[in-house]
Amino acid sequence: MKVVLLKDIKGTGKAGQVVEVSSGYATNYLFPNKLAKAGTTGALQEAKNANDSKNYHAEQERLRAVESGNKLKDFVCNVEVKCGANGKIFGSVTSKEVASDIEKRLGLIVDKKKIELPNIKDLGTYVAKVKLHPTVVVKVMVNVLGMK
């Protein structure tokens, strides 16, 4: 019997998925617990439309990430920090500082948790990875400059 799952069920499938289950499992467990609905023509079409909509929105989100990645591709982030005479900086450069520089200069909001920095303890140029989407990762140059 075909059913459309309303919730994720371990071993059966995820919500919105159309699966084939035994009629006893459907009538005695899935339907009474409101975990699935019968796979009628209307329900199957509704599930297909919901899946298509979900895929469309995911693709639009990916395209926005690619567009943002193109803006970030050639961007050089400048971070000014206090440092000692030998070029050692006090503390370290954080992803929050990089994210705020990107937002200030490009107007692009990037979550600080999505920025992967090496351990920066000296002045110089470093490469940071910005993960805009699971499939879109952009490398950004980070210039660490001493304050005057």
C-alpha atoms as a PDB file:
ATOM      1  CA  MET A   1       0.000   0.000   0.000  1.00  0.00           C
ATOM      2  CA  LYS A   2       1.357   3.447  -0.926  1.00  0.00           C
ATOM      3  CA  VAL A   3       1.351   6.095   1.789  1.00  0.00           C
ATOM      4  CA  VAL A   4       2.644   9.647   2.121  1.00  0.00           C
ATOM      5  CA  LEU A   5       4.625  10.067   5.337  1.00  0.00           C
ATOM      6  CA  LEU A   6       3.715  13.062   7.494  1.00  0.00           C
ATOM      7  CA  LYS A   7       6.665  12.637   9.901  1.00  0.00           C
ATOM      8  CA  ASP A   8      10.094  11.007   9.774  1.00  0.00           C
ATOM      9  CA  ILE A   9       9.906   7.333  10.704  1.00  0.00           C
ATOM     10  CA  LYS A  10      13.117   5.448  11.366  1.00  0.00           C
ATOM     11  CA  GLY A  11      13.473   2.531   8.981  1.00  0.00           C
ATOM     12  CA  THR A  12      10.576   3.675   6.774  1.00  0.00           C
ATOM     13  CA  GLY A  13      11.354   7.135   5.394  1.00  0.00           C
ATOM     14  CA  LYS A  14      11.304  10.878   5.835  1.00  0.00           C
ATOM     15  CA  ALA A  15       8.375  13.298   5.974  1.00  0.00           C
ATOM     16  CA  GLY A  16       6.834  14.027   2.568  1.00  0.00           C
ATOM     17  CA  GLN A  17       8.191  10.839   1.044  1.00  0.00           C
ATOM     18  CA  VAL A  18       5.942   8.349  -0.749  1.00  0.00           C
ATOM     19  CA  VAL A  19       6.684   4.803   0.425  1.00  0.00           C
ATOM     20  CA  GLU A  20       5.268   1.337  -0.057  1.00  0.00           C
ATOM     21  CA  VAL A  21       4.295  -0.340   3.247  1.00  0.00           C
ATOM     22  CA  SER A  22       2.168  -3.306   4.219  1.00  0.00           C
ATOM     23  CA  SER A  23      -1.518  -2.550   4.611  1.00  0.00           C
ATOM     24  CA  GLY A  24      -1.563  -3.811   8.226  1.00  0.00           C
ATOM     25  CA  TYR A  25       1.318  -1.498   9.207  1.00  0.00           C
ATOM     26  CA  ALA A  26      -0.472   1.429   7.584  1.00  0.00           C
ATOM     27  CA  THR A  27      -3.946   0.827   9.018  1.00  0.00           C
ATOM     28  CA  ASN A  28      -2.876  -0.317  12.503  1.00  0.00           C
ATOM     29  CA  TYR A  29       0.058   2.012  13.193  1.00  0.00           C
ATOM     30  CA  LEU A  30       0.677   4.811  10.685  1.00  0.00           C
ATOM     31  CA  PHE A  31      -2.878   6.105  10.187  1.00  0.00           C
ATOM     32  CA  PRO A  32      -4.043   6.010  13.856  1.00  0.00           C
ATOM     33  CA  ASN A  33      -0.871   7.788  15.021  1.00  0.00           C
ATOM     34  CA  LYS A  34      -1.186  10.353  12.205  1.00  0.00           C
ATOM     35  CA  LEU A  35       2.254   9.480  10.860  1.00  0.00           C
ATOM     36  CA  ALA A  36       1.055   8.987   7.287  1.00  0.00           C
ATOM     37  CA  LYS A  37      -1.905   9.452   4.989  1.00  0.00           C
ATOM     38  CA  ALA A  38      -3.239   7.169   2.283  1.00  0.00           C
ATOM     39  CA  GLY A  39      -1.529   7.359  -1.094  1.00  0.00           C
ATOM     40  CA  THR A  40      -4.504   8.609  -3.062  1.00  0.00           C
ATOM     41  CA  THR A  41      -3.992  10.382  -6.369  1.00  0.00           C
ATOM     42  CA  GLY A  42      -4.495  13.779  -4.747  1.00  0.00           C
ATOM     43  CA  ALA A  43      -2.126  13.024  -1.862  1.00  0.00           C
ATOM     44  CA  LEU A  44       0.545  11.727  -4.251  1.00  0.00           C
ATOM     45  CA  GLN A  45       0.247  14.841  -6.417  1.00  0.00           C
ATOM     46  CA  GLU A  46       0.394  17.060  -3.329  1.00  0.00           C
ATOM     47  CA  ALA A  47       3.552  15.267  -2.151  1.00  0.00           C
ATOM     48  CA  LYS A  48       5.133  15.646  -5.603  1.00  0.00           C
ATOM     49  CA  ASN A  49       4.302  19.379  -5.670  1.00  0.00           C
ATOM     50  CA  ALA A  50       5.726  19.873  -2.166  1.00  0.00           C
ATOM     51  CA  ASN A  51       8.916  18.038  -3.168  1.00  0.00           C
ATOM     52  CA  ASP A  52       9.261  20.115  -6.359  1.00  0.00           C
ATOM     53  CA  SER A  53       8.757  23.315  -4.354  1.00  0.00           C
ATOM     54  CA  LYS A  54      11.365  22.254  -1.809  1.00  0.00           C
ATOM     55  CA  ASN A  55      13.871  21.473  -4.582  1.00  0.00           C
ATOM     56  CA  TYR A  56      13.176  24.814  -6.283  1.00  0.00           C
ATOM     57  CA  HIS A  57      13.749  26.797  -3.092  1.00  0.00           C
ATOM     58  CA  ALA A  58      16.937  24.842  -2.312  1.00  0.00           C
ATOM     59  CA  GLU A  59      18.263  25.642  -5.801  1.00  0.00           C
ATOM     60  CA  GLN A  60      17.391  29.345  -5.392  1.00  0.00           C
ATOM     61  CA  GLU A  61      19.275  29.386  -2.088  1.00  0.00           C
ATOM     62  CA  ARG A  62      22.285  27.754  -3.769  1.00  0.00           C
ATOM     63  CA  LEU A  63      22.201  30.327  -6.578  1.00  0.00           C
ATOM     64  CA  ARG A  64      22.158  33.175  -4.034  1.00  0.00           C
ATOM     65  CA  ALA A  65      25.173  31.581  -2.332  1.00  0.00           C
ATOM     66  CA  VAL A  66      27.003  31.346  -5.685  1.00  0.00           C
ATOM     67  CA  GLU A  67      26.236  35.013  -6.359  1.00  0.00           C
ATOM     68  CA  SER A  68      27.571  35.996  -2.924  1.00  0.00           C
ATOM     69  CA  GLY A  69      30.599  33.782  -3.541  1.00  0.00           C
ATOM     70  CA  ASN A  70      31.366  35.664  -6.746  1.00  0.00           C
ATOM     71  CA  LYS A  71      31.400  38.921  -4.755  1.00  0.00           C
ATOM     72  CA  LEU A  72      33.701  37.399  -2.135  1.00  0.00           C
ATOM     73  CA  LYS A  73      36.028  35.616  -4.571  1.00  0.00           C
ATOM     74  CA  ASP A  74      38.468  38.513  -5.105  1.00  0.00           C
ATOM     75  CA  PHE A  75      37.831  40.222  -1.761  1.00  0.00           C
ATOM     76  CA  VAL A  76      40.780  40.962   0.519  1.00  0.00           C
ATOM     77  CA  CYS A  77      39.777  41.409   4.146  1.00  0.00           C
ATOM     78  CA  ASN A  78      41.861  43.860   6.214  1.00  0.00           C
ATOM     79  CA  VAL A  79      41.941  43.375   9.978  1.00  0.00           C
ATOM     80  CA  GLU A  80      43.853  45.800  12.180  1.00  0.00           C
ATOM     81  CA  VAL A  81      45.087  44.467  15.513  1.00  0.00           C
ATOM     82  CA  LYS A  82      47.385  45.604  18.294  1.00  0.00           C
ATOM     83  CA  CYS A  83      50.783  43.978  18.126  1.00  0.00           C
ATOM     84  CA  GLY A  84      54.188  43.962  19.774  1.00  0.00           C
ATOM     85  CA  ALA A  85      57.430  45.212  18.277  1.00  0.00           C
ATOM     86  CA  ASN A  86      58.339  41.805  16.854  1.00  0.00           C
ATOM     87  CA  GLY A  87      55.074  41.431  14.901  1.00  0.00           C
ATOM     88  CA  LYS A  88      53.350  39.138  17.392  1.00  0.00           C
ATOM     89  CA  ILE A  89      49.741  40.154  17.895  1.00  0.00           C
ATOM     90  CA  PHE A  90      47.993  40.361  21.227  1.00  0.00           C
ATOM     91  CA  GLY A  91      45.362  37.631  21.208  1.00  0.00           C
ATOM     92  CA  SER A  92      44.323  36.297  17.809  1.00  0.00           C
ATOM     93  CA  VAL A  93      42.159  37.261  14.851  1.00  0.00           C
ATOM     94  CA  THR A  94      38.655  35.852  15.137  1.00  0.00           C
ATOM     95  CA  SER A  95      36.051  35.011  12.548  1.00  0.00           C
ATOM     96  CA  LYS A  96      33.837  37.714  14.067  1.00  0.00           C
ATOM     97  CA  GLU A  97      36.345  40.384  12.993  1.00  0.00           C
ATOM     98  CA  VAL A  98      36.496  38.962   9.473  1.00  0.00           C
ATOM     99  CA  ALA A  99      32.681  38.778   9.251  1.00  0.00           C
ATOM    100  CA  SER A 100      32.303  42.382  10.414  1.00  0.00           C
ATOM    101  CA  ASP A 101      34.848  43.596   7.833  1.00  0.00           C
ATOM    102  CA  ILE A 102      33.009  41.742   5.056  1.00  0.00           C
ATOM    103  CA  GLU A 103      29.695  43.224   6.185  1.00  0.00           C
ATOM    104  CA  LYS A 104      31.139  46.744   6.534  1.00  0.00           C
ATOM    105  CA  ARG A 105      32.907  46.831   3.158  1.00  0.00           C
ATOM    106  CA  LEU A 106      30.685  44.624   0.968  1.00  0.00           C
ATOM    107  CA  GLY A 107      27.343  44.833   2.760  1.00  0.00           C
ATOM    108  CA  LEU A 108      27.213  41.034   2.706  1.00  0.00           C
ATOM    109  CA  ILE A 109      26.114  39.352   5.938  1.00  0.00           C
ATOM    110  CA  VAL A 110      28.135  36.208   6.648  1.00  0.00           C
ATOM    111  CA  ASP A 111      27.628  34.132   9.771  1.00  0.00           C
ATOM    112  CA  LYS A 112      30.850  34.029  11.808  1.00  0.00           C
ATOM    113  CA  LYS A 113      30.352  30.290  12.338  1.00  0.00           C
ATOM    114  CA  LYS A 114      30.667  29.764   8.587  1.00  0.00           C
ATOM    115  CA  ILE A 115      34.178  31.265   8.461  1.00  0.00           C
ATOM    116  CA  GLU A 116      37.094  28.869   8.913  1.00  0.00           C
ATOM    117  CA  LEU A 117      40.330  30.628   9.905  1.00  0.00           C
ATOM    118  CA  PRO A 118      43.796  29.256  10.540  1.00  0.00           C
ATOM    119  CA  ASN A 119      45.307  30.070  13.938  1.00  0.00           C
ATOM    120  CA  ILE A 120      46.504  33.644  13.352  1.00  0.00           C
ATOM    121  CA  LYS A 121      49.116  34.855  15.860  1.00  0.00           C
ATOM    122  CA  ASP A 122      51.376  36.989  13.616  1.00  0.00           C
ATOM    123  CA  LEU A 123      51.004  39.844  11.148  1.00  0.00           C
ATOM    124  CA  GLY A 124      50.734  38.816   7.504  1.00  0.00           C
ATOM    125  CA  THR A 125      48.379  37.408   4.911  1.00  0.00           C
ATOM    126  CA  TYR A 126      46.283  34.312   5.509  1.00  0.00           C
ATOM    127  CA  VAL A 127      43.605  32.356   3.659  1.00  0.00           C
ATOM    128  CA  ALA A 128      40.172  31.902   5.244  1.00  0.00           C
ATOM    129  CA  LYS A 129      37.414  29.630   3.948  1.00  0.00           C
ATOM    130  CA  VAL A 130      33.857  30.977   3.935  1.00  0.00           C
ATOM    131  CA  LYS A 131      31.159  28.314   3.682  1.00  0.00           C
ATOM    132  CA  LEU A 132      28.120  30.031   2.157  1.00  0.00           C
ATOM    133  CA  HIS A 133      26.249  26.815   1.323  1.00  0.00           C
ATOM    134  CA  PRO A 134      27.093  23.118   1.652  1.00  0.00           C
ATOM    135  CA  THR A 135      28.234  23.162  -1.988  1.00  0.00           C
ATOM    136  CA  VAL A 136      29.707  26.701  -2.104  1.00  0.00           C
ATOM    137  CA  VAL A 137      32.980  27.387  -0.299  1.00  0.00           C
ATOM    138  CA  VAL A 138      34.974  30.540  -1.111  1.00  0.00           C
ATOM    139  CA  LYS A 139      38.565  31.344  -0.153  1.00  0.00           C
ATOM    140  CA  VAL A 140      39.126  34.893   1.124  1.00  0.00           C
ATOM    141  CA  MET A 141      42.484  36.563   1.719  1.00  0.00           C
ATOM    142  CA  VAL A 142      42.852  38.060   5.221  1.00  0.00           C
ATOM    143  CA  ASN A 143      45.488  40.780   5.716  1.00  0.00           C
ATOM    144  CA  VAL A 144      46.440  41.149   9.349  1.00  0.00           C
ATOM    145  CA  LEU A 145      47.851  44.644   9.873  1.00  0.00           C
ATOM    146  CA  GLY A 146      49.328  46.252  12.964  1.00  0.00           C
ATOM    147  CA  MET A 147      47.543  49.306  14.376  1.00  0.00           C
ATOM    148  CA  LYS A 148      49.346  52.588  14.046  1.00  0.00           C
END
